Amino acid sequence: MEINKDNIEKKLRDAFEPTYLNIDDCSSGCGLKFDTIIVSKKFEGKQLLARQRLVNDLLKDEMTKIHAFTQKTYTPDEWEKKQEKAATNPECPIKSTSACTGNCGNCPK
């Protein structure tokens, strides 16, 4: 199977049924560097390392060819709290809750 954003998205959606999923192909089109945000009920009750292992295990074949794969994994409750915090941050000029992780580039460091 070809490694690309669509194939990775399908695998993640099928396995984790995310309430929010964002995949950025940061590789200028070669498909070998991805940044992801995955929000899923399937992460509830699991520590960060266990969540990341679930994702890594799912993508184990792809991982042998991907140069970099950054993942941020949240439960729906964690994601909601993160979005509320971003929306109420007086220093954030955008006030966007759609996908702000605090590293959007719009918020002062």
PDB file of N, CA and C in Angstrom:
ATOM      1  N   MET A   1       0.837  -1.180   0.000  1.00  0.00           N
ATOM      2  CA  MET A   1       0.000   0.000   0.000  1.00  0.00           C
ATOM      3  C   MET A   1       0.889   1.253   0.000  1.00  0.00           C
ATOM      4  N   GLU A   2       0.493   2.225  -0.800  1.00  0.00           N
ATOM      5  CA  GLU A   2       1.206   3.498  -0.865  1.00  0.00           C
ATOM      6  C   GLU A   2       1.010   4.269   0.442  1.00  0.00           C
ATOM      7  N   ILE A   3       2.063   4.915   0.892  1.00  0.00           N
ATOM      8  CA  ILE A   3       1.960   5.722   2.109  1.00  0.00           C
ATOM      9  C   ILE A   3       1.590   7.138   1.705  1.00  0.00           C
ATOM     10  N   ASN A   4       0.405   7.548   2.132  1.00  0.00           N
ATOM     11  CA  ASN A   4      -0.020   8.923   1.907  1.00  0.00           C
ATOM     12  C   ASN A   4      -1.037   9.302   2.981  1.00  0.00           C
ATOM     13  N   LYS A   5      -1.371  10.562   3.009  1.00  0.00           N
ATOM     14  CA  LYS A   5      -2.277  11.086   4.033  1.00  0.00           C
ATOM     15  C   LYS A   5      -3.616  10.347   4.039  1.00  0.00           C
ATOM     16  N   ASP A   6      -4.174  10.091   2.852  1.00  0.00           N
ATOM     17  CA  ASP A   6      -5.488   9.445   2.770  1.00  0.00           C
ATOM     18  C   ASP A   6      -5.470   8.027   3.343  1.00  0.00           C
ATOM     19  N   ASN A   7      -4.436   7.269   3.042  1.00  0.00           N
ATOM     20  CA  ASN A   7      -4.345   5.899   3.557  1.00  0.00           C
ATOM     21  C   ASN A   7      -4.156   5.881   5.071  1.00  0.00           C
ATOM     22  N   ILE A   8      -3.336   6.786   5.571  1.00  0.00           N
ATOM     23  CA  ILE A   8      -3.138   6.873   7.023  1.00  0.00           C
ATOM     24  C   ILE A   8      -4.446   7.300   7.688  1.00  0.00           C
ATOM     25  N   GLU A   9      -5.118   8.267   7.098  1.00  0.00           N
ATOM     26  CA  GLU A   9      -6.391   8.727   7.661  1.00  0.00           C
ATOM     27  C   GLU A   9      -7.407   7.594   7.728  1.00  0.00           C
ATOM     28  N   LYS A  10      -7.520   6.809   6.672  1.00  0.00           N
ATOM     29  CA  LYS A  10      -8.476   5.691   6.660  1.00  0.00           C
ATOM     30  C   LYS A  10      -8.170   4.701   7.778  1.00  0.00           C
ATOM     31  N   LYS A  11      -6.904   4.346   7.929  1.00  0.00           N
ATOM     32  CA  LYS A  11      -6.540   3.393   8.996  1.00  0.00           C
ATOM     33  C   LYS A  11      -6.872   3.953  10.376  1.00  0.00           C
ATOM     34  N   LEU A  12      -6.541   5.219  10.592  1.00  0.00           N
ATOM     35  CA  LEU A  12      -6.807   5.833  11.892  1.00  0.00           C
ATOM     36  C   LEU A  12      -8.312   5.936  12.148  1.00  0.00           C
ATOM     37  N   ARG A  13      -9.072   6.332  11.141  1.00  0.00           N
ATOM     38  CA  ARG A  13     -10.535   6.450  11.306  1.00  0.00           C
ATOM     39  C   ARG A  13     -11.169   5.085  11.581  1.00  0.00           C
ATOM     40  N   ASP A  14     -10.745   4.078  10.849  1.00  0.00           N
ATOM     41  CA  ASP A  14     -11.310   2.733  11.036  1.00  0.00           C
ATOM     42  C   ASP A  14     -11.001   2.177  12.427  1.00  0.00           C
ATOM     43  N   ALA A  15      -9.800   2.417  12.907  1.00  0.00           N
ATOM     44  CA  ALA A  15      -9.373   1.834  14.184  1.00  0.00           C
ATOM     45  C   ALA A  15      -9.847   2.616  15.404  1.00  0.00           C
ATOM     46  N   PHE A  16      -9.838   3.951  15.320  1.00  0.00           N
ATOM     47  CA  PHE A  16     -10.083   4.755  16.517  1.00  0.00           C
ATOM     48  C   PHE A  16     -11.405   5.520  16.506  1.00  0.00           C
ATOM     49  N   GLU A  17     -12.109   5.517  15.379  1.00  0.00           N
ATOM     50  CA  GLU A  17     -13.376   6.235  15.287  1.00  0.00           C
ATOM     51  C   GLU A  17     -13.272   7.621  15.942  1.00  0.00           C
ATOM     52  N   PRO A  18     -12.344   8.437  15.480  1.00  0.00           N
ATOM     53  CA  PRO A  18     -12.078   9.708  16.153  1.00  0.00           C
ATOM     54  C   PRO A  18     -13.226  10.700  16.025  1.00  0.00           C
ATOM     55  N   THR A  19     -13.381  11.493  17.074  1.00  0.00           N
ATOM     56  CA  THR A  19     -14.331  12.605  17.015  1.00  0.00           C
ATOM     57  C   THR A  19     -13.676  13.792  16.328  1.00  0.00           C
ATOM     58  N   TYR A  20     -12.357  13.810  16.310  1.00  0.00           N
ATOM     59  CA  TYR A  20     -11.590  14.816  15.574  1.00  0.00           C
ATOM     60  C   TYR A  20     -10.299  14.159  15.118  1.00  0.00           C
ATOM     61  N   LEU A  21      -9.937  14.406  13.874  1.00  0.00           N
ATOM     62  CA  LEU A  21      -8.695  13.880  13.330  1.00  0.00           C
ATOM     63  C   LEU A  21      -8.113  14.912  12.387  1.00  0.00           C
ATOM     64  N   ASN A  22      -6.866  15.265  12.603  1.00  0.00           N
ATOM     65  CA  ASN A  22      -6.165  16.181  11.718  1.00  0.00           C
ATOM     66  C   ASN A  22      -4.824  15.553  11.363  1.00  0.00           C
ATOM     67  N   ILE A  23      -4.567  15.458  10.074  1.00  0.00           N
ATOM     68  CA  ILE A  23      -3.303  14.913   9.599  1.00  0.00           C
ATOM     69  C   ILE A  23      -2.691  15.934   8.652  1.00  0.00           C
ATOM     70  N   ASP A  24      -1.509  16.390   8.978  1.00  0.00           N
ATOM     71  CA  ASP A  24      -0.783  17.298   8.102  1.00  0.00           C
ATOM     72  C   ASP A  24       0.385  16.555   7.484  1.00  0.00           C
ATOM     73  N   ASP A  25       0.448  16.587   6.159  1.00  0.00           N
ATOM     74  CA  ASP A  25       1.590  16.033   5.436  1.00  0.00           C
ATOM     75  C   ASP A  25       2.617  17.152   5.356  1.00  0.00           C
ATOM     76  N   CYS A  26       3.652  17.053   6.155  1.00  0.00           N
ATOM     77  CA  CYS A  26       4.683  18.090   6.251  1.00  0.00           C
ATOM     78  C   CYS A  26       5.901  17.752   5.399  1.00  0.00           C
ATOM     79  N   SER A  27       5.720  16.865   4.451  1.00  0.00           N
ATOM     80  CA  SER A  27       6.866  16.340   3.708  1.00  0.00           C
ATOM     81  C   SER A  27       6.984  16.897   2.296  1.00  0.00           C
ATOM     82  N   SER A  28       6.255  17.955   2.010  1.00  0.00           N
ATOM     83  CA  SER A  28       6.282  18.546   0.666  1.00  0.00           C
ATOM     84  C   SER A  28       5.842  17.546  -0.395  1.00  0.00           C
ATOM     85  N   GLY A  29       4.933  16.658  -0.033  1.00  0.00           N
ATOM     86  CA  GLY A  29       4.351  15.758  -1.004  1.00  0.00           C
ATOM     87  C   GLY A  29       4.957  14.371  -1.107  1.00  0.00           C
ATOM     88  N   CYS A  30       6.091  14.119  -0.465  1.00  0.00           N
ATOM     89  CA  CYS A  30       6.683  12.783  -0.588  1.00  0.00           C
ATOM     90  C   CYS A  30       5.988  11.769   0.323  1.00  0.00           C
ATOM     91  N   GLY A  31       5.174  12.251   1.270  1.00  0.00           N
ATOM     92  CA  GLY A  31       4.395  11.355   2.112  1.00  0.00           C
ATOM     93  C   GLY A  31       5.177  10.656   3.198  1.00  0.00           C
ATOM     94  N   LEU A  32       6.243  11.271   3.656  1.00  0.00           N
ATOM     95  CA  LEU A  32       7.072  10.589   4.637  1.00  0.00           C
ATOM     96  C   LEU A  32       7.238  11.355   5.948  1.00  0.00           C
ATOM     97  N   LYS A  33       6.467  12.428   6.129  1.00  0.00           N
ATOM     98  CA  LYS A  33       6.521  13.171   7.385  1.00  0.00           C
ATOM     99  C   LYS A  33       5.117  13.691   7.681  1.00  0.00           C
ATOM    100  N   PHE A  34       4.571  13.262   8.833  1.00  0.00           N
ATOM    101  CA  PHE A  34       3.207  13.616   9.188  1.00  0.00           C
ATOM    102  C   PHE A  34       3.116  14.120  10.620  1.00  0.00           C
ATOM    103  N   ASP A  35       2.252  15.122  10.823  1.00  0.00           N
ATOM    104  CA  ASP A  35       1.870  15.584  12.152  1.00  0.00           C
ATOM    105  C   ASP A  35       0.387  15.273  12.304  1.00  0.00           C
ATOM    106  N   THR A  36       0.021  14.620  13.408  1.00  0.00           N
ATOM    107  CA  THR A  36      -1.377  14.224  13.591  1.00  0.00           C
ATOM    108  C   THR A  36      -1.921  14.641  14.942  1.00  0.00           C
ATOM    109  N   ILE A  37      -3.214  14.882  14.956  1.00  0.00           N
ATOM    110  CA  ILE A  37      -3.982  15.056  16.187  1.00  0.00           C
ATOM    111  C   ILE A  37      -5.122  14.055  16.096  1.00  0.00           C
ATOM    112  N   ILE A  38      -5.234  13.201  17.101  1.00  0.00           N
ATOM    113  CA  ILE A  38      -6.274  12.175  17.116  1.00  0.00           C
ATOM    114  C   ILE A  38      -7.056  12.310  18.421  1.00  0.00           C
ATOM    115  N   VAL A  39      -8.355  12.504  18.307  1.00  0.00           N
ATOM    116  CA  VAL A  39      -9.230  12.598  19.474  1.00  0.00           C
ATOM    117  C   VAL A  39     -10.193  11.417  19.405  1.00  0.00           C
ATOM    118  N   SER A  40     -10.120  10.550  20.411  1.00  0.00           N
ATOM    119  CA  SER A  40     -10.924   9.329  20.368  1.00  0.00           C
ATOM    120  C   SER A  40     -11.322   8.868  21.765  1.00  0.00           C
ATOM    121  N   LYS A  41     -12.539   8.345  21.860  1.00  0.00           N
ATOM    122  CA  LYS A  41     -12.994   7.726  23.113  1.00  0.00           C
ATOM    123  C   LYS A  41     -12.162   6.490  23.447  1.00  0.00           C
ATOM    124  N   LYS A  42     -11.550   5.907  22.438  1.00  0.00           N
ATOM    125  CA  LYS A  42     -10.755   4.697  22.662  1.00  0.00           C
ATOM    126  C   LYS A  42      -9.485   4.979  23.452  1.00  0.00           C
ATOM    127  N   PHE A  43      -9.160   6.250  23.668  1.00  0.00           N
ATOM    128  CA  PHE A  43      -7.995   6.606  24.472  1.00  0.00           C
ATOM    129  C   PHE A  43      -8.349   6.791  25.949  1.00  0.00           C
ATOM    130  N   GLU A  44      -9.631   6.764  26.260  1.00  0.00           N
ATOM    131  CA  GLU A  44     -10.056   6.971  27.648  1.00  0.00           C
ATOM    132  C   GLU A  44      -9.491   5.874  28.542  1.00  0.00           C
ATOM    133  N   GLY A  45      -8.944   6.293  29.689  1.00  0.00           N
ATOM    134  CA  GLY A  45      -8.380   5.355  30.651  1.00  0.00           C
ATOM    135  C   GLY A  45      -6.972   4.887  30.313  1.00  0.00           C
ATOM    136  N   LYS A  46      -6.410   5.418  29.237  1.00  0.00           N
ATOM    137  CA  LYS A  46      -5.058   5.014  28.828  1.00  0.00           C
ATOM    138  C   LYS A  46      -4.088   6.178  28.995  1.00  0.00           C
ATOM    139  N   GLN A  47      -2.912   5.863  29.479  1.00  0.00           N
ATOM    140  CA  GLN A  47      -1.863   6.867  29.605  1.00  0.00           C
ATOM    141  C   GLN A  47      -1.328   7.220  28.220  1.00  0.00           C
ATOM    142  N   LEU A  48      -0.615   8.333  28.137  1.00  0.00           N
ATOM    143  CA  LEU A  48      -0.094   8.828  26.867  1.00  0.00           C
ATOM    144  C   LEU A  48       0.727   7.777  26.119  1.00  0.00           C
ATOM    145  N   LEU A  49       1.625   7.127  26.807  1.00  0.00           N
ATOM    146  CA  LEU A  49       2.472   6.134  26.145  1.00  0.00           C
ATOM    147  C   LEU A  49       1.648   4.976  25.570  1.00  0.00           C
ATOM    148  N   ALA A  50       0.634   4.537  26.294  1.00  0.00           N
ATOM    149  CA  ALA A  50      -0.229   3.451  25.807  1.00  0.00           C
ATOM    150  C   ALA A  50      -1.002   3.886  24.562  1.00  0.00           C
ATOM    151  N   ARG A  51      -1.445   5.133  24.537  1.00  0.00           N
ATOM    152  CA  ARG A  51      -2.158   5.653  23.367  1.00  0.00           C
ATOM    153  C   ARG A  51      -1.231   5.652  22.149  1.00  0.00           C
ATOM    154  N   GLN A  52      -0.030   6.153  22.355  1.00  0.00           N
ATOM    155  CA  GLN A  52       0.908   6.240  21.245  1.00  0.00           C
ATOM    156  C   GLN A  52       1.332   4.859  20.747  1.00  0.00           C
ATOM    157  N   ARG A  53       1.419   3.921  21.649  1.00  0.00           N
ATOM    158  CA  ARG A  53       1.724   2.547  21.225  1.00  0.00           C
ATOM    159  C   ARG A  53       0.606   1.965  20.372  1.00  0.00           C
ATOM    160  N   LEU A  54      -0.639   2.274  20.731  1.00  0.00           N
ATOM    161  CA  LEU A  54      -1.769   1.813  19.919  1.00  0.00           C
ATOM    162  C   LEU A  54      -1.661   2.336  18.489  1.00  0.00           C
ATOM    163  N   VAL A  55      -1.353   3.622  18.374  1.00  0.00           N
ATOM    164  CA  VAL A  55      -1.225   4.238  17.049  1.00  0.00           C
ATOM    165  C   VAL A  55      -0.024   3.643  16.313  1.00  0.00           C
ATOM    166  N   ASN A  56       1.101   3.541  17.004  1.00  0.00           N
ATOM    167  CA  ASN A  56       2.311   2.987  16.372  1.00  0.00           C
ATOM    168  C   ASN A  56       2.099   1.548  15.914  1.00  0.00           C
ATOM    169  N   ASP A  57       1.412   0.766  16.721  1.00  0.00           N
ATOM    170  CA  ASP A  57       1.137  -0.623  16.337  1.00  0.00           C
ATOM    171  C   ASP A  57       0.249  -0.684  15.098  1.00  0.00           C
ATOM    172  N   LEU A  58      -0.736   0.195  15.037  1.00  0.00           N
ATOM    173  CA  LEU A  58      -1.623   0.235  13.885  1.00  0.00           C
ATOM    174  C   LEU A  58      -0.858   0.575  12.604  1.00  0.00           C
ATOM    175  N   LEU A  59       0.092   1.479  12.725  1.00  0.00           N
ATOM    176  CA  LEU A  59       0.837   1.951  11.556  1.00  0.00           C
ATOM    177  C   LEU A  59       2.234   1.342  11.457  1.00  0.00           C
ATOM    178  N   LYS A  60       2.418   0.172  12.049  1.00  0.00           N
ATOM    179  CA  LYS A  60       3.765  -0.410  12.107  1.00  0.00           C
ATOM    180  C   LYS A  60       4.377  -0.636  10.734  1.00  0.00           C
ATOM    181  N   ASP A  61       3.607  -1.033   9.747  1.00  0.00           N
ATOM    182  CA  ASP A  61       4.165  -1.230   8.405  1.00  0.00           C
ATOM    183  C   ASP A  61       4.575   0.101   7.780  1.00  0.00           C
ATOM    184  N   GLU A  62       3.748   1.122   7.964  1.00  0.00           N
ATOM    185  CA  GLU A  62       4.052   2.446   7.427  1.00  0.00           C
ATOM    186  C   GLU A  62       5.257   3.071   8.131  1.00  0.00           C
ATOM    187  N   MET A  63       5.381   2.805   9.429  1.00  0.00           N
ATOM    188  CA  MET A  63       6.452   3.427  10.224  1.00  0.00           C
ATOM    189  C   MET A  63       7.848   3.047   9.729  1.00  0.00           C
ATOM    190  N   THR A  64       7.959   1.921   9.064  1.00  0.00           N
ATOM    191  CA  THR A  64       9.279   1.520   8.560  1.00  0.00           C
ATOM    192  C   THR A  64       9.723   2.399   7.394  1.00  0.00           C
ATOM    193  N   LYS A  65       8.771   3.128   6.794  1.00  0.00           N
ATOM    194  CA  LYS A  65       9.093   3.970   5.642  1.00  0.00           C
ATOM    195  C   LYS A  65       8.937   5.462   5.921  1.00  0.00           C
ATOM    196  N   ILE A  66       8.182   5.798   6.961  1.00  0.00           N
ATOM    197  CA  ILE A  66       7.951   7.203   7.307  1.00  0.00           C
ATOM    198  C   ILE A  66       9.192   7.755   8.015  1.00  0.00           C
ATOM    199  N   HIS A  67       9.594   8.956   7.635  1.00  0.00           N
ATOM    200  CA  HIS A  67      10.743   9.598   8.273  1.00  0.00           C
ATOM    201  C   HIS A  67      10.381  10.171   9.645  1.00  0.00           C
ATOM    202  N   ALA A  68       9.178  10.761   9.730  1.00  0.00           N
ATOM    203  CA  ALA A  68       8.771  11.380  10.992  1.00  0.00           C
ATOM    204  C   ALA A  68       7.256  11.305  11.120  1.00  0.00           C
ATOM    205  N   PHE A  69       6.803  10.934  12.310  1.00  0.00           N
ATOM    206  CA  PHE A  69       5.369  10.851  12.584  1.00  0.00           C
ATOM    207  C   PHE A  69       5.140  11.407  13.983  1.00  0.00           C
ATOM    208  N   THR A  70       4.582  12.603  14.032  1.00  0.00           N
ATOM    209  CA  THR A  70       4.274  13.244  15.304  1.00  0.00           C
ATOM    210  C   THR A  70       2.803  13.034  15.597  1.00  0.00           C
ATOM    211  N   GLN A  71       2.509  12.571  16.804  1.00  0.00           N
ATOM    212  CA  GLN A  71       1.108  12.344  17.158  1.00  0.00           C
ATOM    213  C   GLN A  71       0.782  12.990  18.489  1.00  0.00           C
ATOM    214  N   LYS A  72      -0.378  13.623  18.510  1.00  0.00           N
ATOM    215  CA  LYS A  72      -0.952  14.145  19.738  1.00  0.00           C
ATOM    216  C   LYS A  72      -2.273  13.417  19.897  1.00  0.00           C
ATOM    217  N   THR A  73      -2.417  12.722  21.004  1.00  0.00           N
ATOM    218  CA  THR A  73      -3.601  11.898  21.232  1.00  0.00           C
ATOM    219  C   THR A  73      -4.367  12.420  22.448  1.00  0.00           C
ATOM    220  N   TYR A  74      -5.675  12.593  22.273  1.00  0.00           N
ATOM    221  CA  TYR A  74      -6.528  13.132  23.331  1.00  0.00           C
ATOM    222  C   TYR A  74      -7.821  12.330  23.431  1.00  0.00           C
ATOM    223  N   THR A  75      -8.399  12.335  24.615  1.00  0.00           N
ATOM    224  CA  THR A  75      -9.772  11.877  24.768  1.00  0.00           C
ATOM    225  C   THR A  75     -10.670  13.055  24.388  1.00  0.00           C
ATOM    226  N   PRO A  76     -11.937  12.820  24.092  1.00  0.00           N
ATOM    227  CA  PRO A  76     -12.828  13.942  23.779  1.00  0.00           C
ATOM    228  C   PRO A  76     -12.882  14.984  24.902  1.00  0.00           C
ATOM    229  N   ASP A  77     -12.870  14.534  26.147  1.00  0.00           N
ATOM    230  CA  ASP A  77     -12.912  15.468  27.277  1.00  0.00           C
ATOM    231  C   ASP A  77     -11.645  16.321  27.330  1.00  0.00           C
ATOM    232  N   GLU A  78     -10.489  15.696  27.144  1.00  0.00           N
ATOM    233  CA  GLU A  78      -9.225  16.447  27.136  1.00  0.00           C
ATOM    234  C   GLU A  78      -9.208  17.470  26.001  1.00  0.00           C
ATOM    235  N   TRP A  79      -9.679  17.063  24.841  1.00  0.00           N
ATOM    236  CA  TRP A  79      -9.693  17.946  23.675  1.00  0.00           C
ATOM    237  C   TRP A  79     -10.624  19.143  23.912  1.00  0.00           C
ATOM    238  N   GLU A  80     -11.800  18.871  24.480  1.00  0.00           N
ATOM    239  CA  GLU A  80     -12.750  19.949  24.764  1.00  0.00           C
ATOM    240  C   GLU A  80     -12.137  20.964  25.726  1.00  0.00           C
ATOM    241  N   LYS A  81     -11.481  20.485  26.775  1.00  0.00           N
ATOM    242  CA  LYS A  81     -10.849  21.393  27.741  1.00  0.00           C
ATOM    243  C   LYS A  81      -9.736  22.193  27.077  1.00  0.00           C
ATOM    244  N   LYS A  82      -8.980  21.559  26.194  1.00  0.00           N
ATOM    245  CA  LYS A  82      -7.901  22.242  25.487  1.00  0.00           C
ATOM    246  C   LYS A  82      -8.472  23.335  24.581  1.00  0.00           C
ATOM    247  N   GLN A  83      -9.577  23.047  23.913  1.00  0.00           N
ATOM    248  CA  GLN A  83     -10.200  24.028  23.039  1.00  0.00           C
ATOM    249  C   GLN A  83     -10.784  25.190  23.826  1.00  0.00           C
ATOM    250  N   GLU A  84     -11.394  24.888  24.976  1.00  0.00           N
ATOM    251  CA  GLU A  84     -11.929  25.951  25.828  1.00  0.00           C
ATOM    252  C   GLU A  84     -10.820  26.868  26.301  1.00  0.00           C
ATOM    253  N   LYS A  85      -9.695  26.284  26.665  1.00  0.00           N
ATOM    254  CA  LYS A  85      -8.555  27.076  27.124  1.00  0.00           C
ATOM    255  C   LYS A  85      -8.044  27.979  26.003  1.00  0.00           C
ATOM    256  N   ALA A  86      -7.958  27.463  24.796  1.00  0.00           N
ATOM    257  CA  ALA A  86      -7.495  28.259  23.658  1.00  0.00           C
ATOM    258  C   ALA A  86      -8.471  29.400  23.363  1.00  0.00           C
ATOM    259  N   ALA A  87      -9.766  29.110  23.470  1.00  0.00           N
ATOM    260  CA  ALA A  87     -10.783  30.105  23.149  1.00  0.00           C
ATOM    261  C   ALA A  87     -10.834  31.227  24.178  1.00  0.00           C
ATOM    262  N   THR A  88     -10.440  30.941  25.410  1.00  0.00           N
ATOM    263  CA  THR A  88     -10.514  31.957  26.454  1.00  0.00           C
ATOM    264  C   THR A  88      -9.172  32.590  26.760  1.00  0.00           C
ATOM    265  N   ASN A  89      -8.132  32.210  26.017  1.00  0.00           N
ATOM    266  CA  ASN A  89      -6.809  32.788  26.223  1.00  0.00           C
ATOM    267  C   ASN A  89      -6.824  34.232  25.727  1.00  0.00           C
ATOM    268  N   PRO A  90      -6.647  35.215  26.636  1.00  0.00           N
ATOM    269  CA  PRO A  90      -6.710  36.614  26.211  1.00  0.00           C
ATOM    270  C   PRO A  90      -5.564  37.010  25.274  1.00  0.00           C
ATOM    271  N   GLU A  91      -4.506  36.225  25.232  1.00  0.00           N
ATOM    272  CA  GLU A  91      -3.374  36.540  24.370  1.00  0.00           C
ATOM    273  C   GLU A  91      -3.522  35.951  22.974  1.00  0.00           C
ATOM    274  N   CYS A  92      -4.516  35.094  22.763  1.00  0.00           N
ATOM    275  CA  CYS A  92      -4.705  34.462  21.454  1.00  0.00           C
ATOM    276  C   CYS A  92      -5.530  35.389  20.557  1.00  0.00           C
ATOM    277  N   PRO A  93      -4.939  35.893  19.466  1.00  0.00           N
ATOM    278  CA  PRO A  93      -5.666  36.826  18.607  1.00  0.00           C
ATOM    279  C   PRO A  93      -6.723  36.152  17.731  1.00  0.00           C
ATOM    280  N   ILE A  94      -6.660  34.829  17.556  1.00  0.00           N
ATOM    281  CA  ILE A  94      -7.544  34.142  16.631  1.00  0.00           C
ATOM    282  C   ILE A  94      -8.818  33.639  17.308  1.00  0.00           C
ATOM    283  N   LYS A  95      -8.701  33.101  18.516  1.00  0.00           N
ATOM    284  CA  LYS A  95      -9.830  32.520  19.264  1.00  0.00           C
ATOM    285  C   LYS A  95     -10.477  31.376  18.510  1.00  0.00           C
ATOM    286  N   SER A  96      -9.677  30.630  17.772  1.00  0.00           N
ATOM    287  CA  SER A  96     -10.189  29.500  17.003  1.00  0.00           C
ATOM    288  C   SER A  96     -10.155  28.255  17.855  1.00  0.00           C
ATOM    289  N   THR A  97     -11.269  27.518  17.870  1.00  0.00           N
ATOM    290  CA  THR A  97     -11.302  26.268  18.616  1.00  0.00           C
ATOM    291  C   THR A  97     -11.309  25.059  17.700  1.00  0.00           C
ATOM    292  N   SER A  98     -11.226  25.275  16.393  1.00  0.00           N
ATOM    293  CA  SER A  98     -11.353  24.156  15.473  1.00  0.00           C
ATOM    294  C   SER A  98     -10.182  23.189  15.559  1.00  0.00           C
ATOM    295  N   ALA A  99      -8.979  23.686  15.706  1.00  0.00           N
ATOM    296  CA  ALA A  99      -7.840  22.780  15.745  1.00  0.00           C
ATOM    297  C   ALA A  99      -6.656  23.368  16.491  1.00  0.00           C
ATOM    298  N   CYS A 100      -6.863  24.411  17.260  1.00  0.00           N
ATOM    299  CA  CYS A 100      -5.737  25.045  17.942  1.00  0.00           C
ATOM    300  C   CYS A 100      -5.189  24.121  19.027  1.00  0.00           C
ATOM    301  N   THR A 101      -3.898  23.897  18.964  1.00  0.00           N
ATOM    302  CA  THR A 101      -3.241  23.074  19.980  1.00  0.00           C
ATOM    303  C   THR A 101      -2.305  23.922  20.816  1.00  0.00           C
ATOM    304  N   GLY A 102      -2.383  25.230  20.621  1.00  0.00           N
ATOM    305  CA  GLY A 102      -1.472  26.117  21.326  1.00  0.00           C
ATOM    306  C   GLY A 102      -0.192  26.354  20.557  1.00  0.00           C
ATOM    307  N   ASN A 103      -0.007  25.633  19.486  1.00  0.00           N
ATOM    308  CA  ASN A 103       1.181  25.785  18.649  1.00  0.00           C
ATOM    309  C   ASN A 103       0.804  26.205  17.241  1.00  0.00           C
ATOM    310  N   CYS A 104      -0.277  26.938  17.113  1.00  0.00           N
ATOM    311  CA  CYS A 104      -0.803  27.279  15.792  1.00  0.00           C
ATOM    312  C   CYS A 104       0.000  28.365  15.102  1.00  0.00           C
ATOM    313  N   GLY A 105       0.887  29.020  15.839  1.00  0.00           N
ATOM    314  CA  GLY A 105       1.666  30.097  15.242  1.00  0.00           C
ATOM    315  C   GLY A 105       0.985  31.440  15.397  1.00  0.00           C
ATOM    316  N   ASN A 106      -0.278  31.429  15.794  1.00  0.00           N
ATOM    317  CA  ASN A 106      -1.010  32.675  15.988  1.00  0.00           C
ATOM    318  C   ASN A 106      -0.921  33.168  17.428  1.00  0.00           C
ATOM    319  N   CYS A 107      -0.580  32.268  18.328  1.00  0.00           N
ATOM    320  CA  CYS A 107      -0.499  32.626  19.743  1.00  0.00           C
ATOM    321  C   CYS A 107       0.935  33.016  20.092  1.00  0.00           C
ATOM    322  N   PRO A 108       1.094  34.083  20.856  1.00  0.00           N
ATOM    323  CA  PRO A 108       2.441  34.467  21.288  1.00  0.00           C
ATOM    324  C   PRO A 108       3.043  33.389  22.167  1.00  0.00           C
ATOM    325  N   LYS A 109       4.327  33.225  22.083  1.00  0.00           N
ATOM    326  CA  LYS A 109       5.008  32.202  22.885  1.00  0.00           C
ATOM    327  C   LYS A 109       5.268  32.741  24.260  1.00  0.00           C
TER     328      LYS A 109
END
